[in-house]
Each structure stands twice: as C-alpha cells, then as structure tokens.
C-alpha cells in the first residue's frame, strides 16, 4: 500500500522575504475587518488532514489580519472538495470575508477541462498559498515482509505475481499513485488495500529512507520522468488556500501578507509541532507558478492525466 511520510517543519528564506512587501491602505483594511468574521471553507469533513490544517490556521490567522477579525472554519464536503471550490469561486462574497482550503488536485482538474461540474478558473483565484509544500513528505510503497515480492526490481517484473494493493475512496491519492507508477516505472500492480520499495512525490530521497529510490530515479525513459514530475506538481500545493477572484486589492494584499506572517509565528509553529503536522509553506505566487507549469505541459501528458482521473474517478 501507499502511505504518506511526514517530517519536520521548514520555512524558507524566500517565503520570509515576501513579508517585506508593505500593506497598502492598512487603516482602511483594518476598519473593514474590525469586528467582522472571516469564514474559512474546508472542502472536506471534520477530523481529516485538511480540517486539522484549517483549524490550526483559523486559531492564529486573525491576529495577522488588520482589524483582527474572528476566523471560523466551515466544513463543506462534497465531490473531493469540488463543491467547496465552486462555491468559493461563484457564490462566496468577494469582499475578503471568505477564504477556502481544498484538495491539492483542484487546480489541476480546473485546468484540464472536460468536466461540466468544474465551474472555476484556477488562475483567477486570489491565492494565499499553502501551509505545506510536501517538501518534507513522501508517498512510499510498502509491502508485507512475507510478500512474494521483496524488492523494487522484483515489483517491476511481470513474470512474478502482481502486487495486490488496496485503495481507499474513489479518486484518492492512494489510488492514483500506483497507476502512475505502473505506467511510468513499469510497476507490476493490481489494485484491490511491509517493506518499503519506492517513494513518490519526491525530487530526492527522503532522509528517513536513504536506500529507497524515488519514482524519478526509476523512470523508464525521459518521457516517463517528465510525466512523473508533472503528476507530482500538485503535491507542492499540498493544502492550497485561496480567496475568491476579484477581491479589492488592499484586502487581497492584507490576506496574503497575513498568510505569510502566520507561518513565521512562534505560537503557530509550536502548535503545529504539537500536532505533528508539516509546515513548509509556499506563497500565492508560487501556487500560480505551479499552475502555469501544469497548464503549459505537453498536450499528451495532460491527456494522460485526464484518462488517469477518469480511471480513478476523481483525483482528490
């Protein structure tokens, strides 16, 4: 099965440097937010990873928004968070009082087209960033010690029994990753849910698994390696946070600056450490850069991803 490995917190110098941008019209922004409530829409139900990140953010975010509004989490599960994304884009007030956190794959799904239920353009959101960029994480393939396959070399041989992997919900990442590795590194797998065989969503080997190769290392050719890198891109948007499009610029700037500031705050980082969740934030501009890289990928790669999402019925 595939499991996610999470490590320590990292806040980059580049992220910290972004705070040097001054806020415009700070007094007017403070006057607007004073005494107000900011709703943080989460595209999943209570208790899961996205909800934990969102509630941690809500407990600290308001201290860094001018006027110090109260931030309240509202869960809006449905269609792998597509319901929440559509709401944020089309219905939520565009005044800076609503933001959202949703699946890392939503920007990708929004770019691919072909799904009438997708009612948003990911480039038009007011991106705040992501509290985690997956830099300290990895998806690893593990098998039971008594499994007939003992190594990644054997797992790629079609004259040996296929690995039997169980999945979770339709469209979940644990379902997508084995199919990507089947098509790019030749993994002989049949899905139905321990020895570590391969790491996914890592440019380099995780320090806890220095002897376990990454998918990029095992790619059958350059085209396969490029496809792996493309399918790994959404992981840099691990917990994306955005506001609706067309916010008043001073409020958009204030929310973006507050998002950056909270991820340098000692109280926030201490609580994240107690919760044992990764903090490796990226800012809104970095989210847009990742979206552009996906949008500019070769058409045949985007078509592969469309078929992948159809095969796994989603991609949450």
Protein backbone atom coordinates (compact mmCIF):
# COMPACT_ATOMS: atom_id res chain seq x y z
CA UNK A 1 0.00 0.00 0.00
CA UNK A 2 0.98 3.63 -0.29
CA UNK A 3 1.39 5.72 2.83
CA UNK A 4 2.44 9.31 3.37
CA UNK A 5 5.61 10.03 5.36
CA UNK A 6 5.74 13.42 7.09
CA UNK A 7 8.81 15.04 8.62
CA UNK A 8 9.83 18.33 10.23
CA UNK A 9 8.83 21.94 9.64
CA UNK A 10 10.68 24.18 7.20
CA UNK A 11 10.09 27.87 6.49
CA UNK A 12 12.21 29.10 3.61
CA UNK A 13 14.10 32.37 3.44
CA UNK A 14 12.27 33.20 0.21
CA UNK A 15 8.94 32.82 1.99
CA UNK A 16 10.07 35.08 4.81
CA UNK A 17 11.40 37.67 2.36
CA UNK A 18 7.94 38.02 0.83
CA UNK A 19 6.81 39.70 4.03
CA UNK A 20 8.90 42.72 3.13
CA UNK A 21 6.11 43.89 0.79
CA UNK A 22 4.25 46.67 2.66
CA UNK A 23 0.49 46.69 3.01
CA UNK A 24 -1.37 49.44 1.17
CA UNK A 25 -4.23 51.30 2.82
CA UNK A 26 -3.71 49.38 6.08
CA UNK A 27 -6.02 51.66 8.08
CA UNK A 28 -8.92 51.17 5.66
CA UNK A 29 -8.39 47.42 5.70
CA UNK A 30 -8.30 47.37 9.50
CA UNK A 31 -11.51 49.40 9.64
CA UNK A 32 -13.20 46.90 7.31
CA UNK A 33 -12.15 43.78 9.24
CA UNK A 34 -12.62 45.13 12.77
CA UNK A 35 -15.48 43.22 14.42
CA UNK A 36 -16.07 41.02 11.35
CA UNK A 37 -15.88 37.27 10.84
CA UNK A 38 -13.79 35.58 8.16
CA UNK A 39 -15.15 32.19 7.08
CA UNK A 40 -12.61 29.52 6.19
CA UNK A 41 -14.37 26.97 3.96
CA UNK A 42 -12.85 23.47 4.05
CA UNK A 43 -13.73 21.10 1.24
CA UNK A 44 -13.73 18.04 3.50
CA UNK A 45 -15.48 16.86 6.63
CA UNK A 46 -14.29 17.35 10.22
CA UNK A 47 -11.34 15.43 11.59
CA UNK A 48 -9.27 14.79 8.48
CA UNK A 49 -5.93 16.28 7.47
CA UNK A 50 -7.36 19.30 5.65
CA UNK A 51 -9.65 20.07 8.58
CA UNK A 52 -6.76 19.88 11.06
CA UNK A 53 -4.68 22.30 8.98
CA UNK A 54 -7.64 24.66 8.52
CA UNK A 55 -8.50 24.79 12.23
CA UNK A 56 -4.87 25.41 13.14
CA UNK A 57 -4.77 28.27 10.64
CA UNK A 58 -8.09 29.67 11.91
CA UNK A 59 -6.83 29.80 15.50
CA UNK A 60 -3.94 32.09 14.55
CA UNK A 61 -4.74 33.79 11.23
CA UNK A 62 -6.88 36.61 12.59
CA UNK A 63 -4.01 38.00 14.69
CA UNK A 64 -2.22 38.95 11.47
CA UNK A 65 -5.11 40.43 9.50
CA UNK A 66 -5.52 44.18 10.12
CA UNK A 67 -8.51 44.67 12.41
CA UNK A 68 -8.07 41.14 13.88
CA UNK A 69 -11.30 39.51 12.66
CA UNK A 70 -12.51 36.22 14.08
CA UNK A 71 -11.76 33.30 11.73
CA UNK A 72 -14.30 30.44 11.73
CA UNK A 73 -13.98 27.09 9.93
CA UNK A 74 -16.96 25.86 7.93
CA UNK A 75 -16.81 22.34 6.51
CA UNK A 76 -18.28 21.91 3.03
CA UNK A 77 -17.50 18.35 1.88
CA UNK A 78 -18.55 17.04 -1.50
CA UNK A 79 -17.00 15.65 -4.69
CA UNK A 80 -13.46 15.62 -3.31
CA UNK A 81 -13.82 19.35 -2.39
CA UNK A 82 -15.12 20.39 -5.83
CA UNK A 83 -18.31 21.62 -4.18
CA UNK A 84 -16.31 23.98 -1.94
CA UNK A 85 -14.16 25.26 -4.81
CA UNK A 86 -17.18 26.03 -6.97
CA UNK A 87 -18.80 27.82 -4.03
CA UNK A 88 -15.69 29.87 -3.33
CA UNK A 89 -15.38 30.91 -6.98
CA UNK A 90 -19.01 31.61 -7.84
CA UNK A 91 -21.05 32.26 -4.70
CA UNK A 92 -18.85 33.35 -1.79
CA UNK A 93 -18.70 37.11 -1.16
CA UNK A 94 -15.79 38.75 -2.94
CA UNK A 95 -15.01 41.18 -0.15
CA UNK A 96 -12.27 39.33 1.75
CA UNK A 97 -14.54 37.69 4.35
CA UNK A 98 -14.34 34.18 2.86
CA UNK A 99 -11.34 32.01 2.05
CA UNK A 100 -11.07 28.30 1.36
CA UNK A 101 -8.83 25.26 1.67
CA UNK A 102 -9.39 22.38 -0.73
CA UNK A 103 -7.79 19.40 -2.44
CA UNK A 104 -4.38 19.82 -4.00
CA UNK A 105 -5.72 18.40 -7.25
CA UNK A 106 -8.42 21.02 -7.75
CA UNK A 107 -6.19 23.46 -9.69
CA UNK A 108 -5.16 20.59 -11.97
CA UNK A 109 -8.77 19.47 -12.50
CA UNK A 110 -9.74 23.06 -13.25
CA UNK A 111 -7.09 23.30 -15.96
CA UNK A 112 -7.87 20.01 -17.69
CA UNK A 113 -11.42 20.82 -18.75
CA UNK A 114 -13.92 18.27 -19.99
CA UNK A 115 -15.86 18.13 -16.72
CA UNK A 116 -19.10 20.10 -16.70
CA UNK A 117 -19.10 20.11 -12.89
CA UNK A 118 -15.93 22.22 -12.82
CA UNK A 119 -17.07 25.84 -12.64
CA UNK A 120 -13.87 27.75 -11.91
CA UNK A 121 -10.67 29.03 -13.48
CA UNK A 122 -7.80 28.27 -11.07
CA UNK A 123 -5.72 31.19 -12.37
CA UNK A 124 -8.34 33.71 -11.22
CA UNK A 125 -8.44 32.83 -7.53
CA UNK A 126 -6.78 35.17 -5.07
CA UNK A 127 -4.12 32.71 -3.97
CA UNK A 128 -2.78 32.95 -0.43
CA UNK A 129 -0.51 29.89 -0.63
CA UNK A 130 -0.28 26.53 1.11
CA UNK A 131 0.89 25.74 4.64
CA UNK A 132 2.65 22.66 3.31
CA UNK A 133 4.53 22.09 0.06
CA UNK A 134 5.21 18.36 0.62
CA UNK A 135 8.95 19.11 0.78
CA UNK A 136 9.24 17.04 3.96
CA UNK A 137 6.83 14.30 2.87
CA UNK A 138 6.81 11.32 0.55
CA UNK A 139 4.38 8.66 -0.59
CA UNK A 140 6.10 5.33 -0.07
CA UNK A 141 5.15 1.89 -1.32
CA UNK A 142 5.36 -0.76 1.38
CA UNK A 143 4.63 -4.47 1.27
CA UNK A 144 4.36 -7.13 3.96
CA UNK A 145 7.60 -8.81 4.96
CA UNK A 146 6.19 -12.16 3.82
CA UNK A 147 5.08 -10.83 0.42
CA UNK A 148 6.47 -12.74 -2.60
CA UNK A 149 7.94 -9.51 -3.96
CA UNK A 150 11.00 -8.45 -1.95
CA UNK A 151 12.44 -5.52 -3.89
CA UNK A 152 11.53 -2.78 -6.36
CA UNK A 153 13.30 -4.76 -9.10
CA UNK A 154 11.02 -7.75 -8.46
CA UNK A 155 7.98 -5.45 -8.27
CA UNK A 156 8.66 -4.43 -11.89
CA UNK A 157 8.92 -7.99 -13.21
CA UNK A 158 5.83 -9.27 -14.98
CA UNK A 159 6.88 -12.92 -14.63
CA UNK A 160 6.29 -12.64 -10.86
CA UNK A 161 2.94 -12.20 -9.09
CA UNK A 162 1.46 -8.73 -9.28
CA UNK A 163 1.44 -6.62 -6.17
CA UNK A 164 -2.07 -6.57 -4.72
CA UNK A 165 -2.80 -3.07 -3.41
CA UNK A 166 -5.92 -1.90 -1.66
CA UNK A 167 -7.34 1.57 -2.20
CA UNK A 168 -9.48 3.95 -0.19
CA UNK A 169 -12.08 6.36 -1.58
CA UNK A 170 -12.53 6.77 -5.32
CA UNK A 171 -10.14 9.38 -6.62
CA UNK A 172 -7.96 9.36 -3.51
CA UNK A 173 -4.23 9.86 -4.00
CA UNK A 174 -3.55 6.32 -2.80
CA UNK A 175 -5.44 5.10 -5.86
CA UNK A 176 -3.78 7.43 -8.37
CA UNK A 177 -0.15 6.83 -7.44
CA UNK A 178 0.02 3.08 -8.23
CA UNK A 179 -1.44 3.71 -11.69
CA UNK A 180 1.07 6.48 -12.39
CA UNK A 181 3.92 4.18 -11.32
CA UNK A 182 2.51 1.31 -13.38
CA UNK A 183 2.66 3.49 -16.47
CA UNK A 184 5.96 5.26 -15.81
CA UNK A 185 8.28 2.84 -13.99
CA UNK A 186 6.68 -0.46 -15.01
CA UNK A 187 5.32 -1.37 -11.57
CA UNK A 188 3.51 -4.72 -11.80
CA UNK A 189 0.47 -3.98 -9.69
CA UNK A 190 -3.16 -4.95 -9.33
CA UNK A 191 -5.32 -2.80 -7.09
CA UNK A 192 -7.86 -4.37 -4.81
CA UNK A 193 -5.72 -2.33 0.49
CA UNK A 194 5.52 -4.14 4.68
CA UNK A 195 8.69 -3.48 3.06
CA UNK A 196 9.41 -0.04 1.52
CA UNK A 197 10.00 -0.19 -2.24
CA UNK A 198 9.65 3.24 -3.85
CA UNK A 199 8.98 6.89 -2.98
CA UNK A 200 6.60 9.13 -4.91
CA UNK A 201 6.24 12.94 -4.86
CA UNK A 202 9.91 13.37 -4.01
CA UNK A 203 12.61 15.00 -6.14
CA UNK A 204 15.22 13.42 -3.85
CA UNK A 205 15.18 10.53 -1.41
CA UNK A 206 13.54 11.20 1.93
CA UNK A 207 16.22 11.30 4.66
CA UNK A 208 14.35 8.61 6.60
CA UNK A 209 14.59 6.27 3.57
CA UNK A 210 18.02 6.90 2.01
CA UNK A 211 18.13 3.44 0.41
CA UNK A 212 14.69 3.63 -1.21
CA UNK A 213 14.67 5.02 -4.77
CA UNK A 214 12.33 7.73 -5.95
CA UNK A 215 9.99 7.23 -8.87
CA UNK A 216 12.04 9.74 -10.87
CA UNK A 217 15.12 7.56 -10.50
CA UNK A 218 13.25 4.53 -11.80
CA UNK A 219 11.55 6.17 -14.78
CA UNK A 220 11.76 4.02 -17.89
CA UNK A 221 12.82 6.96 -20.08
CA UNK A 222 12.91 10.76 -20.20
CA UNK A 223 9.28 10.99 -21.24
CA UNK A 224 8.26 8.90 -18.25
CA UNK A 225 10.39 11.03 -15.95
CA UNK A 226 8.76 14.20 -17.27
CA UNK A 227 5.33 12.66 -16.70
CA UNK A 228 6.24 11.75 -13.12
CA UNK A 229 7.42 15.30 -12.46
CA UNK A 230 4.17 16.69 -13.87
CA UNK A 231 1.96 14.38 -11.79
CA UNK A 232 3.98 15.26 -8.70
CA UNK A 233 3.44 19.02 -9.17
CA UNK A 234 0.08 19.17 -7.32
CA UNK A 235 1.83 17.90 -4.20
CA UNK A 236 3.68 21.21 -3.91
CA UNK A 237 0.19 22.69 -3.39
CA UNK A 238 -0.39 20.25 -0.56
CA UNK A 239 -3.07 22.26 1.28
CA UNK A 240 -3.99 25.14 -1.07
CA UNK A 241 -5.65 28.21 0.40
CA UNK A 242 -7.36 30.86 -1.72
CA UNK A 243 -9.91 33.64 -1.64
CA UNK A 244 -12.43 34.30 -4.42
CA UNK A 245 -11.37 36.21 -7.53
CA UNK A 246 -11.68 39.98 -7.87
CA UNK A 247 -11.11 40.95 -4.23
CA UNK A 248 -10.37 44.61 -3.52
CA UNK A 249 -6.60 44.79 -3.92
CA UNK A 250 -5.79 46.18 -0.44
CA UNK A 251 -7.72 43.34 1.22
CA UNK A 252 -6.15 40.75 -1.08
CA UNK A 253 -2.72 42.08 -0.15
CA UNK A 254 -3.62 42.03 3.54
CA UNK A 255 -4.77 38.40 3.43
CA UNK A 256 -1.68 37.31 1.51
CA UNK A 257 0.63 39.12 3.93
CA UNK A 258 -1.22 37.66 6.92
CA UNK A 259 -0.88 34.16 5.48
CA UNK A 260 2.86 34.65 5.15
CA UNK A 261 3.17 36.14 8.65
CA UNK A 262 1.27 33.41 10.46
CA UNK A 263 3.66 30.78 9.10
CA UNK A 264 6.56 32.56 10.78
CA UNK A 265 4.74 32.92 14.09
CA UNK A 266 6.16 31.05 17.08
CA UNK A 267 2.75 30.23 18.56
CA UNK A 268 1.51 28.81 15.26
CA UNK A 269 4.67 26.78 14.70
CA UNK A 270 4.68 25.45 18.27
CA UNK A 271 1.10 24.24 17.93
CA UNK A 272 1.85 22.68 14.54
CA UNK A 273 4.77 20.82 16.13
CA UNK A 274 2.49 19.51 18.89
CA UNK A 275 0.03 18.33 16.24
CA UNK A 276 2.93 16.73 14.34
CA UNK A 277 1.93 18.30 11.03
CA UNK A 278 4.30 19.56 8.35
CA UNK A 279 4.83 23.29 7.92
CA UNK A 280 6.73 24.02 4.71
CA UNK A 281 4.72 26.93 3.31
CA UNK A 282 4.59 28.45 -0.13
CA UNK A 283 3.06 31.79 -1.10
CA UNK A 284 0.38 32.63 -3.63
CA UNK A 285 2.81 33.48 -6.43
CA UNK A 286 4.37 30.03 -6.09
CA UNK A 287 0.94 28.43 -6.41
CA UNK A 288 0.38 30.34 -9.64
CA UNK A 289 3.80 29.27 -10.94
CA UNK A 290 2.89 25.62 -10.35
CA UNK A 291 -0.47 26.12 -12.07
CA UNK A 292 1.28 27.67 -15.08
CA UNK A 293 3.73 24.75 -15.27
CA UNK A 294 0.82 22.32 -15.37
CA UNK A 295 -1.07 24.40 -17.94
CA UNK A 296 2.00 24.57 -20.20
CA UNK A 297 2.70 20.84 -20.11
CA UNK A 298 2.70 18.94 -23.43
CA UNK A 299 -0.84 18.02 -24.57
CA UNK A 300 -0.12 14.29 -24.50
CA UNK A 301 0.80 14.50 -20.80
CA UNK A 302 -2.34 16.42 -19.95
CA UNK A 303 -4.35 13.83 -21.87
CA UNK A 304 -2.74 11.07 -19.80
CA UNK A 305 -3.82 12.85 -16.62
CA UNK A 306 -7.37 13.23 -17.95
CA UNK A 307 -7.50 9.46 -18.52
CA UNK A 308 -5.95 8.82 -15.11
CA UNK A 309 -8.59 10.89 -13.34
CA UNK A 310 -11.31 9.14 -15.34
CA UNK A 311 -9.86 5.75 -14.38
CA UNK A 312 -9.76 6.62 -10.68
CA UNK A 313 -13.00 8.64 -10.84
CA UNK A 314 -11.72 11.89 -9.38
CA UNK A 315 -8.27 12.60 -8.11
CA UNK A 316 -8.79 14.07 -4.64
